[in-house]
């Protein structure tokens, strides 16, 4: 099913994969490091856990955005989709994420973890959408 030339099924599959990448990075691999670098404790975050309900929105919007850029570029196949995802990461996600590091006391390790997450989600999402174009 397509809307404005965007394959919504591909976007759904990509969004699920992007969400899973985030679960692995923040829930399995770097949970303790992220908490230590951010300065948060579980007690500090507990009142805000309700916001986790919003977490599916981010990969859905990201997948739709990547799909639009893939369409505009007329990128064909998973490799071209992955490259498009990497470009979206560099010029939009990373450049936006860099503000928090450049203008605050944020440690470079936190920037690295968050940037790795954004790079992987955009590349994986782009590869899936490119493959399903």
Protein backbone atom coordinates (compact mmCIF):
# COMPACT_ATOMS: atom_id res chain seq x y z
CA UNK A 1 0.00 0.00 0.00
CA UNK A 2 1.41 3.36 -1.06
CA UNK A 3 0.60 6.91 -0.06
CA UNK A 4 2.25 9.66 -2.09
CA UNK A 5 4.66 7.04 -3.43
CA UNK A 6 5.71 5.83 0.03
CA UNK A 7 5.34 2.10 0.75
CA UNK A 8 3.59 2.05 4.12
CA UNK A 9 4.25 -1.67 4.67
CA UNK A 10 7.98 -1.05 4.20
CA UNK A 11 7.73 1.85 6.64
CA UNK A 12 6.00 -0.39 9.19
CA UNK A 13 8.62 -3.15 8.87
CA UNK A 14 11.42 -0.57 9.05
CA UNK A 15 9.87 1.12 12.10
CA UNK A 16 9.68 -2.21 13.94
CA UNK A 17 13.32 -2.97 13.09
CA UNK A 18 14.36 0.53 14.15
CA UNK A 19 12.53 0.12 17.45
CA UNK A 20 14.26 -3.22 18.04
CA UNK A 21 17.67 -1.65 17.39
CA UNK A 22 16.89 0.89 20.10
CA UNK A 23 15.81 -1.86 22.49
CA UNK A 24 19.09 -3.70 21.98
CA UNK A 25 21.26 -0.60 22.32
CA UNK A 26 19.52 0.99 25.30
CA UNK A 27 17.99 -2.08 26.94
CA UNK A 28 20.75 -4.66 26.55
CA UNK A 29 24.14 -3.33 25.44
CA UNK A 30 24.54 0.15 26.91
CA UNK A 31 21.85 0.55 29.55
CA UNK A 32 24.21 0.88 32.50
CA UNK A 33 26.67 3.07 30.59
CA UNK A 34 23.91 5.39 29.36
CA UNK A 35 22.53 5.78 32.89
CA UNK A 36 25.99 6.51 34.31
CA UNK A 37 26.89 8.99 31.57
CA UNK A 38 23.55 10.79 31.70
CA UNK A 39 23.67 11.22 35.47
CA UNK A 40 20.17 9.81 35.90
CA UNK A 41 19.12 7.14 38.37
CA UNK A 42 16.16 4.82 38.06
CA UNK A 43 14.49 6.73 40.88
CA UNK A 44 14.89 10.02 39.03
CA UNK A 45 13.37 8.58 35.86
CA UNK A 46 10.51 6.66 37.50
CA UNK A 47 7.97 9.55 37.41
CA UNK A 48 8.56 9.93 33.68
CA UNK A 49 8.22 6.28 32.62
CA UNK A 50 4.74 6.99 31.24
CA UNK A 51 6.48 8.77 28.36
CA UNK A 52 7.70 5.39 27.13
CA UNK A 53 4.27 5.03 25.54
CA UNK A 54 5.46 7.62 23.00
CA UNK A 55 8.47 5.53 21.95
CA UNK A 56 6.82 3.87 18.92
CA UNK A 57 6.13 7.29 17.40
CA UNK A 58 9.82 8.07 16.84
CA UNK A 59 10.73 5.12 14.58
CA UNK A 60 7.45 5.48 12.66
CA UNK A 61 8.19 9.13 11.87
CA UNK A 62 11.82 8.28 11.11
CA UNK A 63 10.85 5.49 8.72
CA UNK A 64 8.37 7.72 6.87
CA UNK A 65 11.02 10.45 6.59
CA UNK A 66 13.65 8.05 5.28
CA UNK A 67 11.12 6.62 2.82
CA UNK A 68 10.39 10.11 1.50
CA UNK A 69 14.10 10.82 1.01
CA UNK A 70 14.60 7.44 -0.69
CA UNK A 71 11.74 8.29 -3.01
CA UNK A 72 13.14 11.75 -3.77
CA UNK A 73 16.58 10.27 -4.47
CA UNK A 74 15.03 7.42 -6.47
CA UNK A 75 17.31 5.11 -4.50
CA UNK A 76 16.98 1.49 -5.60
CA UNK A 77 17.77 -1.52 -3.40
CA UNK A 78 18.93 -2.09 0.15
CA UNK A 79 22.45 -0.64 -0.31
CA UNK A 80 21.12 2.63 -1.73
CA UNK A 81 18.53 2.71 1.06
CA UNK A 82 21.24 2.17 3.68
CA UNK A 83 23.35 4.98 2.18
CA UNK A 84 20.30 7.24 2.23
CA UNK A 85 19.72 6.33 5.88
CA UNK A 86 23.35 7.19 6.66
CA UNK A 87 22.98 10.56 4.91
CA UNK A 88 19.77 11.29 6.82
CA UNK A 89 21.64 10.42 10.03
CA UNK A 90 24.59 12.67 9.25
CA UNK A 91 22.76 15.73 7.98
CA UNK A 92 19.67 15.64 10.20
CA UNK A 93 19.91 13.29 13.19
CA UNK A 94 23.58 13.76 14.10
CA UNK A 95 23.62 17.48 13.42
CA UNK A 96 20.55 17.92 15.65
CA UNK A 97 21.94 15.61 18.33
CA UNK A 98 25.23 17.52 18.35
CA UNK A 99 23.54 20.62 19.82
CA UNK A 100 23.17 18.95 23.22
CA UNK A 101 26.85 18.07 23.24
CA UNK A 102 28.16 21.37 21.89
CA UNK A 103 26.14 23.63 24.17
CA UNK A 104 26.05 21.64 27.38
CA UNK A 105 28.12 19.59 29.78
CA UNK A 106 27.21 16.30 28.09
CA UNK A 107 30.00 13.70 28.05
CA UNK A 108 31.28 12.49 24.69
CA UNK A 109 30.34 8.90 25.61
CA UNK A 110 26.67 9.82 25.78
CA UNK A 111 26.91 11.49 22.39
CA UNK A 112 28.60 8.34 21.05
CA UNK A 113 25.92 5.96 22.36
CA UNK A 114 23.03 8.10 21.14
CA UNK A 115 24.72 8.71 17.77
CA UNK A 116 25.42 5.00 17.27
CA UNK A 117 21.74 4.34 17.95
CA UNK A 118 20.63 6.96 15.44
CA UNK A 119 23.10 5.81 12.79
CA UNK A 120 22.08 2.16 13.09
CA UNK A 121 18.36 2.89 13.11
CA UNK A 122 18.61 5.09 10.02
CA UNK A 123 20.83 2.65 8.11
CA UNK A 124 18.68 -0.38 9.02
CA UNK A 125 15.46 1.49 8.26
CA UNK A 126 16.85 2.76 4.97
CA UNK A 127 18.06 -0.69 3.92
CA UNK A 128 14.64 -2.23 4.63
CA UNK A 129 12.73 0.51 2.84
CA UNK A 130 15.16 0.43 -0.09
CA UNK A 131 14.79 -3.36 -0.35
CA UNK A 132 11.00 -3.13 -0.31
CA UNK A 133 10.74 -0.26 -2.80
